[in-house]
């Protein structure tokens, strides 16, 4: 086995290790703490969080729709 062949095997091994360690590094160093708390919560906590977010988004959409329809009424009545 030549030195070049051994060197290539070592490089490939290091590359595979880096690929498998990348998600762990991302989780511990790049994911914000708030997202970790949400992800590690119980199923019930995640369900409540998703429901609150959905209700908030629906409220925003309804407000935008009301504001848009009020603008249309004012524009068409003049």
C-alpha atoms as a PDB file:
ATOM      1  CA  UNK A   1       0.000   0.000   0.000  1.00  0.00           C
ATOM      2  CA  UNK A   2       1.515   3.288  -1.054  1.00  0.00           C
ATOM      3  CA  UNK A   3       1.677   6.424   1.051  1.00  0.00           C
ATOM      4  CA  UNK A   4      -0.655   8.191  -1.368  1.00  0.00           C
ATOM      5  CA  UNK A   5      -3.304   5.470  -1.000  1.00  0.00           C
ATOM      6  CA  UNK A   6      -3.076   5.598   2.829  1.00  0.00           C
ATOM      7  CA  UNK A   7      -3.325   9.390   2.741  1.00  0.00           C
ATOM      8  CA  UNK A   8      -6.499   9.216   0.601  1.00  0.00           C
ATOM      9  CA  UNK A   9      -8.047   6.682   2.998  1.00  0.00           C
ATOM     10  CA  UNK A  10      -7.281   8.934   5.954  1.00  0.00           C
ATOM     11  CA  UNK A  11      -8.784  11.953   4.177  1.00  0.00           C
ATOM     12  CA  UNK A  12     -11.948  10.012   3.305  1.00  0.00           C
ATOM     13  CA  UNK A  13     -12.264   8.790   6.890  1.00  0.00           C
ATOM     14  CA  UNK A  14     -11.942  12.325   8.234  1.00  0.00           C
ATOM     15  CA  UNK A  15     -14.521  13.557   5.692  1.00  0.00           C
ATOM     16  CA  UNK A  16     -17.048  10.880   6.719  1.00  0.00           C
ATOM     17  CA  UNK A  17     -16.486  11.712  10.394  1.00  0.00           C
ATOM     18  CA  UNK A  18     -17.081  15.402   9.668  1.00  0.00           C
ATOM     19  CA  UNK A  19     -20.302  14.601   7.786  1.00  0.00           C
ATOM     20  CA  UNK A  20     -21.649  12.558  10.690  1.00  0.00           C
ATOM     21  CA  UNK A  21     -20.625  15.129  13.304  1.00  0.00           C
ATOM     22  CA  UNK A  22     -22.058  18.144  11.445  1.00  0.00           C
ATOM     23  CA  UNK A  23     -25.647  17.788  12.811  1.00  0.00           C
ATOM     24  CA  UNK A  24     -24.323  17.569  16.370  1.00  0.00           C
ATOM     25  CA  UNK A  25     -22.193  20.676  15.936  1.00  0.00           C
ATOM     26  CA  UNK A  26     -25.141  22.509  14.390  1.00  0.00           C
ATOM     27  CA  UNK A  27     -27.439  21.521  17.293  1.00  0.00           C
ATOM     28  CA  UNK A  28     -25.085  22.547  20.091  1.00  0.00           C
ATOM     29  CA  UNK A  29     -23.564  25.677  18.581  1.00  0.00           C
ATOM     30  CA  UNK A  30     -25.898  27.098  15.923  1.00  0.00           C
ATOM     31  CA  UNK A  31     -29.470  26.404  17.102  1.00  0.00           C
ATOM     32  CA  UNK A  32     -30.824  29.168  19.379  1.00  0.00           C
ATOM     33  CA  UNK A  33     -31.708  28.201  22.959  1.00  0.00           C
ATOM     34  CA  UNK A  34     -35.387  29.049  22.413  1.00  0.00           C
ATOM     35  CA  UNK A  35     -35.626  26.574  19.551  1.00  0.00           C
ATOM     36  CA  UNK A  36     -33.936  23.900  21.669  1.00  0.00           C
ATOM     37  CA  UNK A  37     -36.470  24.409  24.463  1.00  0.00           C
ATOM     38  CA  UNK A  38     -39.339  24.024  21.999  1.00  0.00           C
ATOM     39  CA  UNK A  39     -37.813  20.955  20.345  1.00  0.00           C
ATOM     40  CA  UNK A  40     -37.107  19.239  23.667  1.00  0.00           C
ATOM     41  CA  UNK A  41     -40.572  19.924  25.048  1.00  0.00           C
ATOM     42  CA  UNK A  42     -43.166  17.264  25.595  1.00  0.00           C
ATOM     43  CA  UNK A  43     -45.705  16.449  22.919  1.00  0.00           C
ATOM     44  CA  UNK A  44     -48.356  18.417  24.826  1.00  0.00           C
ATOM     45  CA  UNK A  45     -46.102  21.494  25.091  1.00  0.00           C
ATOM     46  CA  UNK A  46     -45.345  21.374  21.384  1.00  0.00           C
ATOM     47  CA  UNK A  47     -49.054  21.024  20.616  1.00  0.00           C
ATOM     48  CA  UNK A  48     -49.872  24.064  22.769  1.00  0.00           C
ATOM     49  CA  UNK A  49     -47.074  26.092  21.174  1.00  0.00           C
ATOM     50  CA  UNK A  50     -48.276  25.237  17.669  1.00  0.00           C
ATOM     51  CA  UNK A  51     -51.875  26.099  18.578  1.00  0.00           C
ATOM     52  CA  UNK A  52     -50.853  29.488  19.996  1.00  0.00           C
ATOM     53  CA  UNK A  53     -48.814  30.287  16.883  1.00  0.00           C
ATOM     54  CA  UNK A  54     -51.676  29.244  14.602  1.00  0.00           C
ATOM     55  CA  UNK A  55     -54.206  31.345  16.522  1.00  0.00           C
ATOM     56  CA  UNK A  56     -51.876  34.331  16.375  1.00  0.00           C
ATOM     57  CA  UNK A  57     -51.417  33.940  12.624  1.00  0.00           C
ATOM     58  CA  UNK A  58     -55.153  33.549  12.062  1.00  0.00           C
ATOM     59  CA  UNK A  59     -55.821  36.717  14.072  1.00  0.00           C
ATOM     60  CA  UNK A  60     -53.310  38.630  11.939  1.00  0.00           C
ATOM     61  CA  UNK A  61     -54.899  37.340   8.736  1.00  0.00           C
ATOM     62  CA  UNK A  62     -58.385  38.259   9.947  1.00  0.00           C
ATOM     63  CA  UNK A  63     -57.233  41.762  10.887  1.00  0.00           C
ATOM     64  CA  UNK A  64     -55.638  42.222   7.485  1.00  0.00           C
ATOM     65  CA  UNK A  65     -58.794  40.976   5.774  1.00  0.00           C
ATOM     66  CA  UNK A  66     -60.967  43.356   7.797  1.00  0.00           C
ATOM     67  CA  UNK A  67     -58.655  46.270   7.033  1.00  0.00           C
ATOM     68  CA  UNK A  68     -58.636  45.353   3.352  1.00  0.00           C
ATOM     69  CA  UNK A  69     -62.414  45.047   3.148  1.00  0.00           C
ATOM     70  CA  UNK A  70     -62.854  48.378   4.994  1.00  0.00           C
ATOM     71  CA  UNK A  71     -60.568  50.040   2.469  1.00  0.00           C
ATOM     72  CA  UNK A  72     -62.497  48.530  -0.420  1.00  0.00           C
ATOM     73  CA  UNK A  73     -65.830  49.695   1.026  1.00  0.00           C
ATOM     74  CA  UNK A  74     -64.533  53.222   1.475  1.00  0.00           C
ATOM     75  CA  UNK A  75     -63.120  53.240  -2.069  1.00  0.00           C
ATOM     76  CA  UNK A  76     -66.261  51.842  -3.743  1.00  0.00           C
ATOM     77  CA  UNK A  77     -68.711  54.088  -1.861  1.00  0.00           C
ATOM     78  CA  UNK A  78     -67.123  57.326  -3.072  1.00  0.00           C
END
